[in-house]
């Protein structure tokens, strides 16, 4: 598994009564990039949905036989769509839905995430 630079936005949200959990999200502005997470360790991964080999496949199907690069657990049982599911401070699992309003580009960051490749 390789790392991939991904442009995303940052938000802060609450999970289990704990505030200021940092989450990342992408804006689908013509190029489809999805984020996913390992709920065992909270590692964020990226899926290139423009790749014909991964475009229509489910997350569970894409990670068949793949272990998390951070904690080593089987991703087929621990993968979730991110940030709709995220691991916050203290290991608390939370949920976040970004606004449909896309922030200005200058508020974005380029971060590296592990890429799930078919």
PDB file of N, CA and C in Angstrom:
ATOM      1  N   UNK A   1       0.858  -1.172   0.000  1.00  0.00           N
ATOM      2  CA  UNK A   1       0.000   0.000   0.000  1.00  0.00           C
ATOM      3  C   UNK A   1       0.901   1.230   0.000  1.00  0.00           C
ATOM      4  N   UNK A   2       0.550   2.201  -0.834  1.00  0.00           N
ATOM      5  CA  UNK A   2       1.319   3.433  -0.958  1.00  0.00           C
ATOM      6  C   UNK A   2       0.538   4.607  -0.394  1.00  0.00           C
ATOM      7  N   UNK A   3       1.258   5.679  -0.092  1.00  0.00           N
ATOM      8  CA  UNK A   3       0.589   6.891   0.362  1.00  0.00           C
ATOM      9  C   UNK A   3       0.273   7.772  -0.834  1.00  0.00           C
ATOM     10  N   UNK A   4      -0.814   8.509  -0.708  1.00  0.00           N
ATOM     11  CA  UNK A   4      -1.253   9.396  -1.783  1.00  0.00           C
ATOM     12  C   UNK A   4      -1.588  10.755  -1.202  1.00  0.00           C
ATOM     13  N   UNK A   5      -1.117  11.804  -1.870  1.00  0.00           N
ATOM     14  CA  UNK A   5      -1.458  13.158  -1.453  1.00  0.00           C
ATOM     15  C   UNK A   5      -2.887  13.451  -1.874  1.00  0.00           C
ATOM     16  N   UNK A   6      -3.655  14.009  -0.943  1.00  0.00           N
ATOM     17  CA  UNK A   6      -5.075  14.241  -1.177  1.00  0.00           C
ATOM     18  C   UNK A   6      -5.461  15.615  -0.658  1.00  0.00           C
ATOM     19  N   UNK A   7      -6.126  16.397  -1.501  1.00  0.00           N
ATOM     20  CA  UNK A   7      -6.612  17.717  -1.062  1.00  0.00           C
ATOM     21  C   UNK A   7      -7.902  17.512  -0.286  1.00  0.00           C
ATOM     22  N   UNK A   8      -7.944  18.051   0.904  1.00  0.00           N
ATOM     23  CA  UNK A   8      -9.134  17.892   1.736  1.00  0.00           C
ATOM     24  C   UNK A   8      -9.326  19.119   2.623  1.00  0.00           C
ATOM     25  N   UNK A   9     -10.441  19.125   3.285  1.00  0.00           N
ATOM     26  CA  UNK A   9     -10.802  20.202   4.205  1.00  0.00           C
ATOM     27  C   UNK A   9     -10.853  19.634   5.615  1.00  0.00           C
ATOM     28  N   UNK A  10     -10.697  20.505   6.585  1.00  0.00           N
ATOM     29  CA  UNK A  10     -10.671  20.093   7.987  1.00  0.00           C
ATOM     30  C   UNK A  10     -11.895  20.658   8.694  1.00  0.00           C
ATOM     31  N   UNK A  11     -12.478  19.850   9.551  1.00  0.00           N
ATOM     32  CA  UNK A  11     -13.593  20.291  10.394  1.00  0.00           C
ATOM     33  C   UNK A  11     -13.359  19.750  11.799  1.00  0.00           C
ATOM     34  N   UNK A  12     -14.063  20.322  12.748  1.00  0.00           N
ATOM     35  CA  UNK A  12     -13.971  19.873  14.137  1.00  0.00           C
ATOM     36  C   UNK A  12     -15.379  19.535  14.605  1.00  0.00           C
ATOM     37  N   UNK A  13     -15.503  18.406  15.290  1.00  0.00           N
ATOM     38  CA  UNK A  13     -16.832  17.968  15.699  1.00  0.00           C
ATOM     39  C   UNK A  13     -16.778  17.254  17.045  1.00  0.00           C
ATOM     40  N   UNK A  14     -17.946  16.912  17.535  1.00  0.00           N
ATOM     41  CA  UNK A  14     -18.117  16.262  18.834  1.00  0.00           C
ATOM     42  C   UNK A  14     -18.338  14.768  18.639  1.00  0.00           C
ATOM     43  N   UNK A  15     -17.812  13.978  19.563  1.00  0.00           N
ATOM     44  CA  UNK A  15     -18.065  12.526  19.587  1.00  0.00           C
ATOM     45  C   UNK A  15     -18.069  12.086  21.045  1.00  0.00           C
ATOM     46  N   UNK A  16     -19.168  11.508  21.477  1.00  0.00           N
ATOM     47  CA  UNK A  16     -19.265  10.993  22.840  1.00  0.00           C
ATOM     48  C   UNK A  16     -19.023  12.033  23.910  1.00  0.00           C
ATOM     49  N   UNK A  17     -19.435  13.277  23.649  1.00  0.00           N
ATOM     50  CA  UNK A  17     -19.256  14.350  24.624  1.00  0.00           C
ATOM     51  C   UNK A  17     -17.877  14.985  24.597  1.00  0.00           C
ATOM     52  N   UNK A  18     -17.008  14.523  23.717  1.00  0.00           N
ATOM     53  CA  UNK A  18     -15.676  15.108  23.581  1.00  0.00           C
ATOM     54  C   UNK A  18     -15.662  15.977  22.327  1.00  0.00           C
ATOM     55  N   UNK A  19     -15.275  17.232  22.509  1.00  0.00           N
ATOM     56  CA  UNK A  19     -15.302  18.199  21.412  1.00  0.00           C
ATOM     57  C   UNK A  19     -13.931  18.340  20.753  1.00  0.00           C
ATOM     58  N   UNK A  20     -13.909  19.053  19.651  1.00  0.00           N
ATOM     59  CA  UNK A  20     -12.691  19.365  18.898  1.00  0.00           C
ATOM     60  C   UNK A  20     -11.989  18.131  18.337  1.00  0.00           C
ATOM     61  N   UNK A  21     -12.767  17.148  17.902  1.00  0.00           N
ATOM     62  CA  UNK A  21     -12.203  16.023  17.152  1.00  0.00           C
ATOM     63  C   UNK A  21     -11.962  16.509  15.728  1.00  0.00           C
ATOM     64  N   UNK A  22     -10.737  16.391  15.268  1.00  0.00           N
ATOM     65  CA  UNK A  22     -10.395  16.842  13.923  1.00  0.00           C
ATOM     66  C   UNK A  22     -10.772  15.765  12.916  1.00  0.00           C
ATOM     67  N   UNK A  23     -11.543  16.146  11.900  1.00  0.00           N
ATOM     68  CA  UNK A  23     -11.889  15.224  10.817  1.00  0.00           C
ATOM     69  C   UNK A  23     -11.567  15.895   9.484  1.00  0.00           C
ATOM     70  N   UNK A  24     -11.354  15.086   8.475  1.00  0.00           N
ATOM     71  CA  UNK A  24     -11.033  15.571   7.142  1.00  0.00           C
ATOM     72  C   UNK A  24     -12.129  15.134   6.185  1.00  0.00           C
ATOM     73  N   UNK A  25     -12.356  15.925   5.151  1.00  0.00           N
ATOM     74  CA  UNK A  25     -13.311  15.519   4.133  1.00  0.00           C
ATOM     75  C   UNK A  25     -12.895  16.094   2.790  1.00  0.00           C
ATOM     76  N   UNK A  26     -13.329  15.437   1.744  1.00  0.00           N
ATOM     77  CA  UNK A  26     -13.032  15.886   0.387  1.00  0.00           C
ATOM     78  C   UNK A  26     -14.274  16.535  -0.203  1.00  0.00           C
ATOM     79  N   UNK A  27     -14.054  17.389  -1.178  1.00  0.00           N
ATOM     80  CA  UNK A  27     -15.158  18.013  -1.908  1.00  0.00           C
ATOM     81  C   UNK A  27     -15.158  17.410  -3.305  1.00  0.00           C
ATOM     82  N   UNK A  28     -16.242  16.781  -3.666  1.00  0.00           N
ATOM     83  CA  UNK A  28     -16.331  16.166  -4.990  1.00  0.00           C
ATOM     84  C   UNK A  28     -16.607  17.235  -6.036  1.00  0.00           C
ATOM     85  N   UNK A  29     -15.529  17.855  -6.480  1.00  0.00           N
ATOM     86  CA  UNK A  29     -15.619  18.929  -7.464  1.00  0.00           C
ATOM     87  C   UNK A  29     -15.183  18.445  -8.839  1.00  0.00           C
ATOM     88  N   UNK A  30     -15.675  17.320  -9.247  1.00  0.00           N
ATOM     89  CA  UNK A  30     -15.336  16.796 -10.560  1.00  0.00           C
ATOM     90  C   UNK A  30     -14.424  15.585 -10.516  1.00  0.00           C
ATOM     91  N   UNK A  31     -13.590  15.466  -9.484  1.00  0.00           N
ATOM     92  CA  UNK A  31     -12.712  14.302  -9.353  1.00  0.00           C
ATOM     93  C   UNK A  31     -13.110  13.577  -8.089  1.00  0.00           C
ATOM     94  N   UNK A  32     -13.496  12.322  -8.214  1.00  0.00           N
ATOM     95  CA  UNK A  32     -14.058  11.582  -7.072  1.00  0.00           C
ATOM     96  C   UNK A  32     -13.002  10.851  -6.261  1.00  0.00           C
ATOM     97  N   UNK A  33     -12.788  11.339  -5.076  1.00  0.00           N
ATOM     98  CA  UNK A  33     -11.903  10.714  -4.105  1.00  0.00           C
ATOM     99  C   UNK A  33     -12.755  10.439  -2.869  1.00  0.00           C
ATOM    100  N   UNK A  34     -12.753   9.208  -2.399  1.00  0.00           N
ATOM    101  CA  UNK A  34     -13.468   8.863  -1.167  1.00  0.00           C
ATOM    102  C   UNK A  34     -12.456   8.578  -0.067  1.00  0.00           C
ATOM    103  N   UNK A  35     -12.840   8.897   1.145  1.00  0.00           N
ATOM    104  CA  UNK A  35     -12.017   8.575   2.304  1.00  0.00           C
ATOM    105  C   UNK A  35     -12.666   7.435   3.065  1.00  0.00           C
ATOM    106  N   UNK A  36     -11.832   6.652   3.736  1.00  0.00           N
ATOM    107  CA  UNK A  36     -12.299   5.535   4.553  1.00  0.00           C
ATOM    108  C   UNK A  36     -11.450   5.518   5.819  1.00  0.00           C
ATOM    109  N   UNK A  37     -11.892   4.753   6.812  1.00  0.00           N
ATOM    110  CA  UNK A  37     -11.119   4.660   8.049  1.00  0.00           C
ATOM    111  C   UNK A  37     -11.125   3.243   8.589  1.00  0.00           C
ATOM    112  N   UNK A  38     -10.072   2.920   9.303  1.00  0.00           N
ATOM    113  CA  UNK A  38     -10.001   1.674  10.063  1.00  0.00           C
ATOM    114  C   UNK A  38     -10.539   2.016  11.451  1.00  0.00           C
ATOM    115  N   UNK A  39     -11.647   1.391  11.847  1.00  0.00           N
ATOM    116  CA  UNK A  39     -12.217   1.737  13.156  1.00  0.00           C
ATOM    117  C   UNK A  39     -11.443   1.113  14.315  1.00  0.00           C
ATOM    118  N   UNK A  40     -10.467   0.272  13.995  1.00  0.00           N
ATOM    119  CA  UNK A  40      -9.623  -0.291  15.049  1.00  0.00           C
ATOM    120  C   UNK A  40      -8.603   0.743  15.542  1.00  0.00           C
ATOM    121  N   UNK A  41      -7.999   1.483  14.602  1.00  0.00           N
ATOM    122  CA  UNK A  41      -6.947   2.433  14.982  1.00  0.00           C
ATOM    123  C   UNK A  41      -7.220   3.877  14.580  1.00  0.00           C
ATOM    124  N   UNK A  42      -8.197   4.096  13.695  1.00  0.00           N
ATOM    125  CA  UNK A  42      -8.514   5.457  13.260  1.00  0.00           C
ATOM    126  C   UNK A  42      -7.743   5.931  12.044  1.00  0.00           C
ATOM    127  N   UNK A  43      -6.901   5.087  11.471  1.00  0.00           N
ATOM    128  CA  UNK A  43      -6.143   5.465  10.284  1.00  0.00           C
ATOM    129  C   UNK A  43      -7.103   5.853   9.155  1.00  0.00           C
ATOM    130  N   UNK A  44      -6.769   6.934   8.440  1.00  0.00           N
ATOM    131  CA  UNK A  44      -7.588   7.376   7.313  1.00  0.00           C
ATOM    132  C   UNK A  44      -6.928   6.882   6.031  1.00  0.00           C
ATOM    133  N   UNK A  45      -7.762   6.345   5.135  1.00  0.00           N
ATOM    134  CA  UNK A  45      -7.289   5.819   3.862  1.00  0.00           C
ATOM    135  C   UNK A  45      -8.056   6.502   2.737  1.00  0.00           C
ATOM    136  N   UNK A  46      -7.525   6.424   1.524  1.00  0.00           N
ATOM    137  CA  UNK A  46      -8.147   7.084   0.382  1.00  0.00           C
ATOM    138  C   UNK A  46      -8.416   6.068  -0.731  1.00  0.00           C
ATOM    139  N   UNK A  47      -9.532   6.285  -1.440  1.00  0.00           N
ATOM    140  CA  UNK A  47      -9.909   5.455  -2.591  1.00  0.00           C
ATOM    141  C   UNK A  47     -10.123   6.381  -3.780  1.00  0.00           C
ATOM    142  N   UNK A  48      -9.444   6.093  -4.881  1.00  0.00           N
ATOM    143  CA  UNK A  48      -9.603   6.866  -6.114  1.00  0.00           C
ATOM    144  C   UNK A  48     -10.767   6.271  -6.895  1.00  0.00           C
ATOM    145  N   UNK A  49     -11.914   6.913  -6.832  1.00  0.00           N
ATOM    146  CA  UNK A  49     -13.112   6.402  -7.516  1.00  0.00           C
ATOM    147  C   UNK A  49     -13.107   6.716  -9.013  1.00  0.00           C
ATOM    148  N   UNK A  50     -12.096   7.442  -9.494  1.00  0.00           N
ATOM    149  CA  UNK A  50     -11.951   7.671 -10.932  1.00  0.00           C
ATOM    150  C   UNK A  50     -11.229   6.492 -11.591  1.00  0.00           C
ATOM    151  N   UNK A  51     -10.585   5.667 -10.788  1.00  0.00           N
ATOM    152  CA  UNK A  51      -9.908   4.483 -11.292  1.00  0.00           C
ATOM    153  C   UNK A  51     -10.981   3.453 -11.672  1.00  0.00           C
ATOM    154  N   UNK A  52     -11.038   3.026 -12.927  1.00  0.00           N
ATOM    155  CA  UNK A  52     -12.070   2.069 -13.348  1.00  0.00           C
ATOM    156  C   UNK A  52     -12.060   0.764 -12.544  1.00  0.00           C
ATOM    157  N   UNK A  53     -10.912   0.402 -11.969  1.00  0.00           N
ATOM    158  CA  UNK A  53     -10.822  -0.834 -11.195  1.00  0.00           C
ATOM    159  C   UNK A  53     -11.451  -0.706  -9.813  1.00  0.00           C
ATOM    160  N   UNK A  54     -11.675   0.516  -9.350  1.00  0.00           N
ATOM    161  CA  UNK A  54     -12.267   0.697  -8.024  1.00  0.00           C
ATOM    162  C   UNK A  54     -13.569   1.484  -8.045  1.00  0.00           C
ATOM    163  N   UNK A  55     -13.936   2.032  -9.193  1.00  0.00           N
ATOM    164  CA  UNK A  55     -15.073   2.944  -9.289  1.00  0.00           C
ATOM    165  C   UNK A  55     -16.368   2.399  -8.701  1.00  0.00           C
ATOM    166  N   UNK A  56     -16.749   1.191  -9.036  1.00  0.00           N
ATOM    167  CA  UNK A  56     -18.058   0.673  -8.623  1.00  0.00           C
ATOM    168  C   UNK A  56     -17.969  -0.383  -7.517  1.00  0.00           C
ATOM    169  N   UNK A  57     -16.777  -0.618  -7.008  1.00  0.00           N
ATOM    170  CA  UNK A  57     -16.619  -1.669  -5.991  1.00  0.00           C
ATOM    171  C   UNK A  57     -16.854  -1.123  -4.591  1.00  0.00           C
ATOM    172  N   UNK A  58     -17.425  -1.945  -3.729  1.00  0.00           N
ATOM    173  CA  UNK A  58     -17.660  -1.550  -2.344  1.00  0.00           C
ATOM    174  C   UNK A  58     -16.328  -1.508  -1.590  1.00  0.00           C
ATOM    175  N   UNK A  59     -16.308  -0.788  -0.478  1.00  0.00           N
ATOM    176  CA  UNK A  59     -15.104  -0.737   0.349  1.00  0.00           C
ATOM    177  C   UNK A  59     -14.691  -2.134   0.797  1.00  0.00           C
ATOM    178  N   UNK A  60     -15.663  -2.924   1.264  1.00  0.00           N
ATOM    179  CA  UNK A  60     -15.360  -4.278   1.740  1.00  0.00           C
ATOM    180  C   UNK A  60     -14.731  -5.121   0.643  1.00  0.00           C
ATOM    181  N   UNK A  61     -15.203  -4.973  -0.590  1.00  0.00           N
ATOM    182  CA  UNK A  61     -14.658  -5.729  -1.715  1.00  0.00           C
ATOM    183  C   UNK A  61     -13.241  -5.248  -2.047  1.00  0.00           C
ATOM    184  N   UNK A  62     -13.013  -3.949  -2.000  1.00  0.00           N
ATOM    185  CA  UNK A  62     -11.695  -3.397  -2.324  1.00  0.00           C
ATOM    186  C   UNK A  62     -10.612  -3.839  -1.349  1.00  0.00           C
ATOM    187  N   UNK A  63     -10.975  -4.089  -0.100  1.00  0.00           N
ATOM    188  CA  UNK A  63      -9.959  -4.419   0.910  1.00  0.00           C
ATOM    189  C   UNK A  63      -9.859  -5.910   1.224  1.00  0.00           C
ATOM    190  N   UNK A  64     -10.468  -6.742   0.383  1.00  0.00           N
ATOM    191  CA  UNK A  64     -10.374  -8.192   0.597  1.00  0.00           C
ATOM    192  C   UNK A  64      -8.900  -8.601   0.646  1.00  0.00           C
ATOM    193  N   UNK A  65      -8.518  -9.233   1.755  1.00  0.00           N
ATOM    194  CA  UNK A  65      -7.159  -9.713   1.915  1.00  0.00           C
ATOM    195  C   UNK A  65      -6.135  -8.643   2.267  1.00  0.00           C
ATOM    196  N   UNK A  66      -6.574  -7.444   2.579  1.00  0.00           N
ATOM    197  CA  UNK A  66      -5.652  -6.345   2.900  1.00  0.00           C
ATOM    198  C   UNK A  66      -5.738  -6.018   4.392  1.00  0.00           C
ATOM    199  N   UNK A  67      -4.587  -5.850   5.011  1.00  0.00           N
ATOM    200  CA  UNK A  67      -4.519  -5.443   6.416  1.00  0.00           C
ATOM    201  C   UNK A  67      -4.256  -3.952   6.515  1.00  0.00           C
ATOM    202  N   UNK A  68      -4.671  -3.360   7.613  1.00  0.00           N
ATOM    203  CA  UNK A  68      -4.438  -1.942   7.863  1.00  0.00           C
ATOM    204  C   UNK A  68      -2.934  -1.688   7.942  1.00  0.00           C
ATOM    205  N   UNK A  69      -2.429  -0.688   7.216  1.00  0.00           N
ATOM    206  CA  UNK A  69      -0.994  -0.403   7.251  1.00  0.00           C
ATOM    207  C   UNK A  69      -0.528   0.178   8.589  1.00  0.00           C
ATOM    208  N   UNK A  70      -1.444   0.639   9.410  1.00  0.00           N
ATOM    209  CA  UNK A  70      -1.081   1.222  10.707  1.00  0.00           C
ATOM    210  C   UNK A  70      -1.133   0.204  11.841  1.00  0.00           C
ATOM    211  N   UNK A  71      -2.229  -0.574  11.930  1.00  0.00           N
ATOM    212  CA  UNK A  71      -2.392  -1.474  13.085  1.00  0.00           C
ATOM    213  C   UNK A  71      -2.355  -2.957  12.726  1.00  0.00           C
ATOM    214  N   UNK A  72      -2.415  -3.282  11.432  1.00  0.00           N
ATOM    215  CA  UNK A  72      -2.304  -4.666  10.999  1.00  0.00           C
ATOM    216  C   UNK A  72      -3.581  -5.487  11.052  1.00  0.00           C
ATOM    217  N   UNK A  73      -4.700  -4.883  11.475  1.00  0.00           N
ATOM    218  CA  UNK A  73      -5.944  -5.664  11.522  1.00  0.00           C
ATOM    219  C   UNK A  73      -6.521  -5.830  10.116  1.00  0.00           C
ATOM    220  N   UNK A  74      -7.379  -6.822   9.951  1.00  0.00           N
ATOM    221  CA  UNK A  74      -8.005  -7.097   8.666  1.00  0.00           C
ATOM    222  C   UNK A  74      -8.989  -5.981   8.326  1.00  0.00           C
ATOM    223  N   UNK A  75      -8.719  -5.256   7.235  1.00  0.00           N
ATOM    224  CA  UNK A  75      -9.578  -4.131   6.864  1.00  0.00           C
ATOM    225  C   UNK A  75     -10.982  -4.562   6.446  1.00  0.00           C
ATOM    226  N   UNK A  76     -11.144  -5.787   6.018  1.00  0.00           N
ATOM    227  CA  UNK A  76     -12.467  -6.211   5.583  1.00  0.00           C
ATOM    228  C   UNK A  76     -13.479  -6.139   6.722  1.00  0.00           C
ATOM    229  N   UNK A  77     -13.022  -6.286   7.957  1.00  0.00           N
ATOM    230  CA  UNK A  77     -13.933  -6.204   9.097  1.00  0.00           C
ATOM    231  C   UNK A  77     -13.899  -4.832   9.781  1.00  0.00           C
ATOM    232  N   UNK A  78     -12.864  -4.023   9.500  1.00  0.00           N
ATOM    233  CA  UNK A  78     -12.734  -2.761  10.222  1.00  0.00           C
ATOM    234  C   UNK A  78     -12.898  -1.511   9.370  1.00  0.00           C
ATOM    235  N   UNK A  79     -13.079  -1.654   8.059  1.00  0.00           N
ATOM    236  CA  UNK A  79     -13.173  -0.478   7.187  1.00  0.00           C
ATOM    237  C   UNK A  79     -14.562   0.151   7.272  1.00  0.00           C
ATOM    238  N   UNK A  80     -14.590   1.482   7.303  1.00  0.00           N
ATOM    239  CA  UNK A  80     -15.845   2.238   7.307  1.00  0.00           C
ATOM    240  C   UNK A  80     -15.661   3.474   6.432  1.00  0.00           C
ATOM    241  N   UNK A  81     -16.754   3.982   5.914  1.00  0.00           N
ATOM    242  CA  UNK A  81     -16.718   5.213   5.146  1.00  0.00           C
ATOM    243  C   UNK A  81     -16.396   6.366   6.095  1.00  0.00           C
ATOM    244  N   UNK A  82     -15.501   7.243   5.673  1.00  0.00           N
ATOM    245  CA  UNK A  82     -15.035   8.354   6.503  1.00  0.00           C
ATOM    246  C   UNK A  82     -15.387   9.660   5.814  1.00  0.00           C
ATOM    247  N   UNK A  83     -15.807  10.698   6.459  1.00  0.00           N
ATOM    248  CA  UNK A  83     -15.914  10.925   7.890  1.00  0.00           C
ATOM    249  C   UNK A  83     -17.278  10.585   8.475  1.00  0.00           C
ATOM    250  N   UNK A  84     -18.144   9.909   7.689  1.00  0.00           N
ATOM    251  CA  UNK A  84     -19.438   9.548   8.277  1.00  0.00           C
ATOM    252  C   UNK A  84     -19.239   8.669   9.499  1.00  0.00           C
ATOM    253  N   UNK A  85     -18.125   7.954   9.558  1.00  0.00           N
ATOM    254  CA  UNK A  85     -17.693   7.239  10.761  1.00  0.00           C
ATOM    255  C   UNK A  85     -16.225   7.613  10.969  1.00  0.00           C
ATOM    256  N   UNK A  86     -15.875   8.021  12.182  1.00  0.00           N
ATOM    257  CA  UNK A  86     -14.485   8.344  12.485  1.00  0.00           C
ATOM    258  C   UNK A  86     -14.159   7.917  13.909  1.00  0.00           C
ATOM    259  N   UNK A  87     -12.879   7.746  14.170  1.00  0.00           N
ATOM    260  CA  UNK A  87     -12.410   7.423  15.521  1.00  0.00           C
ATOM    261  C   UNK A  87     -11.855   8.716  16.106  1.00  0.00           C
ATOM    262  N   UNK A  88     -12.511   9.189  17.156  1.00  0.00           N
ATOM    263  CA  UNK A  88     -12.121  10.443  17.779  1.00  0.00           C
ATOM    264  C   UNK A  88     -11.174  10.247  18.938  1.00  0.00           C
ATOM    265  N   UNK A  89     -11.005  11.313  19.688  1.00  0.00           N
ATOM    266  CA  UNK A  89     -10.130  11.295  20.863  1.00  0.00           C
ATOM    267  C   UNK A  89     -10.583  10.209  21.830  1.00  0.00           C
ATOM    268  N   UNK A  90      -9.632   9.510  22.389  1.00  0.00           N
ATOM    269  CA  UNK A  90      -9.938   8.450  23.340  1.00  0.00           C
ATOM    270  C   UNK A  90     -10.512   7.205  22.696  1.00  0.00           C
ATOM    271  N   UNK A  91     -10.438   7.090  21.352  1.00  0.00           N
ATOM    272  CA  UNK A  91     -10.938   5.910  20.660  1.00  0.00           C
ATOM    273  C   UNK A  91     -12.443   5.861  20.500  1.00  0.00           C
ATOM    274  N   UNK A  92     -13.116   6.967  20.805  1.00  0.00           N
ATOM    275  CA  UNK A  92     -14.573   7.012  20.680  1.00  0.00           C
ATOM    276  C   UNK A  92     -14.959   7.121  19.209  1.00  0.00           C
ATOM    277  N   UNK A  93     -15.870   6.260  18.773  1.00  0.00           N
ATOM    278  CA  UNK A  93     -16.332   6.293  17.386  1.00  0.00           C
ATOM    279  C   UNK A  93     -17.440   7.332  17.275  1.00  0.00           C
ATOM    280  N   UNK A  94     -17.280   8.228  16.302  1.00  0.00           N
ATOM    281  CA  UNK A  94     -18.264   9.286  16.084  1.00  0.00           C
ATOM    282  C   UNK A  94     -18.720   9.305  14.645  1.00  0.00           C
ATOM    283  N   UNK A  95     -19.561  10.286  14.342  1.00  0.00           N
ATOM    284  CA  UNK A  95     -20.108  10.439  13.000  1.00  0.00           C
ATOM    285  C   UNK A  95     -20.094  11.912  12.620  1.00  0.00           C
ATOM    286  N   UNK A  96     -19.802  12.189  11.352  1.00  0.00           N
ATOM    287  CA  UNK A  96     -19.749  13.571  10.878  1.00  0.00           C
ATOM    288  C   UNK A  96     -20.254  13.637   9.442  1.00  0.00           C
ATOM    289  N   UNK A  97     -21.082  14.632   9.159  1.00  0.00           N
ATOM    290  CA  UNK A  97     -21.552  14.906   7.802  1.00  0.00           C
ATOM    291  C   UNK A  97     -21.128  16.317   7.429  1.00  0.00           C
ATOM    292  N   UNK A  98     -20.248  16.453   6.452  1.00  0.00           N
ATOM    293  CA  UNK A  98     -19.824  17.799   6.062  1.00  0.00           C
ATOM    294  C   UNK A  98     -20.950  18.570   5.390  1.00  0.00           C
ATOM    295  N   UNK A  99     -20.852  19.867   5.457  1.00  0.00           N
ATOM    296  CA  UNK A  99     -21.814  20.753   4.800  1.00  0.00           C
ATOM    297  C   UNK A  99     -21.726  20.552   3.290  1.00  0.00           C
ATOM    298  N   UNK A 100     -22.800  20.833   2.604  1.00  0.00           N
ATOM    299  CA  UNK A 100     -22.770  20.747   1.142  1.00  0.00           C
ATOM    300  C   UNK A 100     -22.101  21.977   0.535  1.00  0.00           C
ATOM    301  N   UNK A 101     -21.851  22.994   1.355  1.00  0.00           N
ATOM    302  CA  UNK A 101     -21.156  24.194   0.895  1.00  0.00           C
ATOM    303  C   UNK A 101     -19.652  23.922   0.920  1.00  0.00           C
ATOM    304  N   UNK A 102     -19.005  24.089  -0.214  1.00  0.00           N
ATOM    305  CA  UNK A 102     -17.576  23.822  -0.313  1.00  0.00           C
ATOM    306  C   UNK A 102     -16.817  25.071   0.133  1.00  0.00           C
ATOM    307  N   UNK A 103     -15.924  24.922   1.114  1.00  0.00           N
ATOM    308  CA  UNK A 103     -15.141  26.072   1.577  1.00  0.00           C
ATOM    309  C   UNK A 103     -14.210  26.591   0.479  1.00  0.00           C
ATOM    310  N   UNK A 104     -13.686  27.804   0.645  1.00  0.00           N
ATOM    311  CA  UNK A 104     -12.716  28.330  -0.332  1.00  0.00           C
ATOM    312  C   UNK A 104     -11.473  27.441  -0.403  1.00  0.00           C
ATOM    313  N   UNK A 105     -10.866  27.381  -1.559  1.00  0.00           N
ATOM    314  CA  UNK A 105      -9.697  26.520  -1.778  1.00  0.00           C
ATOM    315  C   UNK A 105      -8.571  26.813  -0.799  1.00  0.00           C
ATOM    316  N   UNK A 106      -8.421  28.074  -0.414  1.00  0.00           N
ATOM    317  CA  UNK A 106      -7.319  28.418   0.502  1.00  0.00           C
ATOM    318  C   UNK A 106      -7.501  27.797   1.892  1.00  0.00           C
ATOM    319  N   UNK A 107      -8.692  27.268   2.174  1.00  0.00           N
ATOM    320  CA  UNK A 107      -8.925  26.597   3.447  1.00  0.00           C
ATOM    321  C   UNK A 107      -8.639  25.091   3.371  1.00  0.00           C
ATOM    322  N   UNK A 108      -8.223  24.629   2.199  1.00  0.00           N
ATOM    323  CA  UNK A 108      -7.938  23.198   2.047  1.00  0.00           C
ATOM    324  C   UNK A 108      -6.488  22.906   2.440  1.00  0.00           C
ATOM    325  N   UNK A 109      -6.227  21.633   2.674  1.00  0.00           N
ATOM    326  CA  UNK A 109      -4.886  21.148   2.973  1.00  0.00           C
ATOM    327  C   UNK A 109      -4.588  19.968   2.070  1.00  0.00           C
ATOM    328  N   UNK A 110      -3.333  19.752   1.798  1.00  0.00           N
ATOM    329  CA  UNK A 110      -2.926  18.544   1.082  1.00  0.00           C
ATOM    330  C   UNK A 110      -2.266  17.636   2.114  1.00  0.00           C
ATOM    331  N   UNK A 111      -2.892  16.490   2.343  1.00  0.00           N
ATOM    332  CA  UNK A 111      -2.418  15.532   3.336  1.00  0.00           C
ATOM    333  C   UNK A 111      -2.131  14.198   2.660  1.00  0.00           C
ATOM    334  N   UNK A 112      -1.318  13.377   3.281  1.00  0.00           N
ATOM    335  CA  UNK A 112      -1.028  12.051   2.755  1.00  0.00           C
ATOM    336  C   UNK A 112      -1.784  10.992   3.531  1.00  0.00           C
ATOM    337  N   UNK A 113      -2.464  10.124   2.777  1.00  0.00           N
ATOM    338  CA  UNK A 113      -3.199   9.006   3.359  1.00  0.00           C
ATOM    339  C   UNK A 113      -2.779   7.737   2.616  1.00  0.00           C
ATOM    340  N   UNK A 114      -2.929   6.593   3.282  1.00  0.00           N
ATOM    341  CA  UNK A 114      -2.703   5.320   2.612  1.00  0.00           C
ATOM    342  C   UNK A 114      -3.771   5.135   1.546  1.00  0.00           C
ATOM    343  N   UNK A 115      -3.369   4.688   0.351  1.00  0.00           N
ATOM    344  CA  UNK A 115      -4.318   4.493  -0.747  1.00  0.00           C
ATOM    345  C   UNK A 115      -4.708   3.032  -0.880  1.00  0.00           C
ATOM    346  N   UNK A 116      -6.012   2.803  -0.917  1.00  0.00           N
ATOM    347  CA  UNK A 116      -6.533   1.463  -1.171  1.00  0.00           C
ATOM    348  C   UNK A 116      -6.567   1.294  -2.678  1.00  0.00           C
ATOM    349  N   UNK A 117      -5.713   0.403  -3.181  1.00  0.00           N
ATOM    350  CA  UNK A 117      -5.612   0.194  -4.619  1.00  0.00           C
ATOM    351  C   UNK A 117      -6.095  -1.200  -4.976  1.00  0.00           C
ATOM    352  N   UNK A 118      -6.919  -1.309  -6.020  1.00  0.00           N
ATOM    353  CA  UNK A 118      -7.418  -2.633  -6.418  1.00  0.00           C
ATOM    354  C   UNK A 118      -6.318  -3.506  -7.001  1.00  0.00           C
TER     355      UNK A 118
END
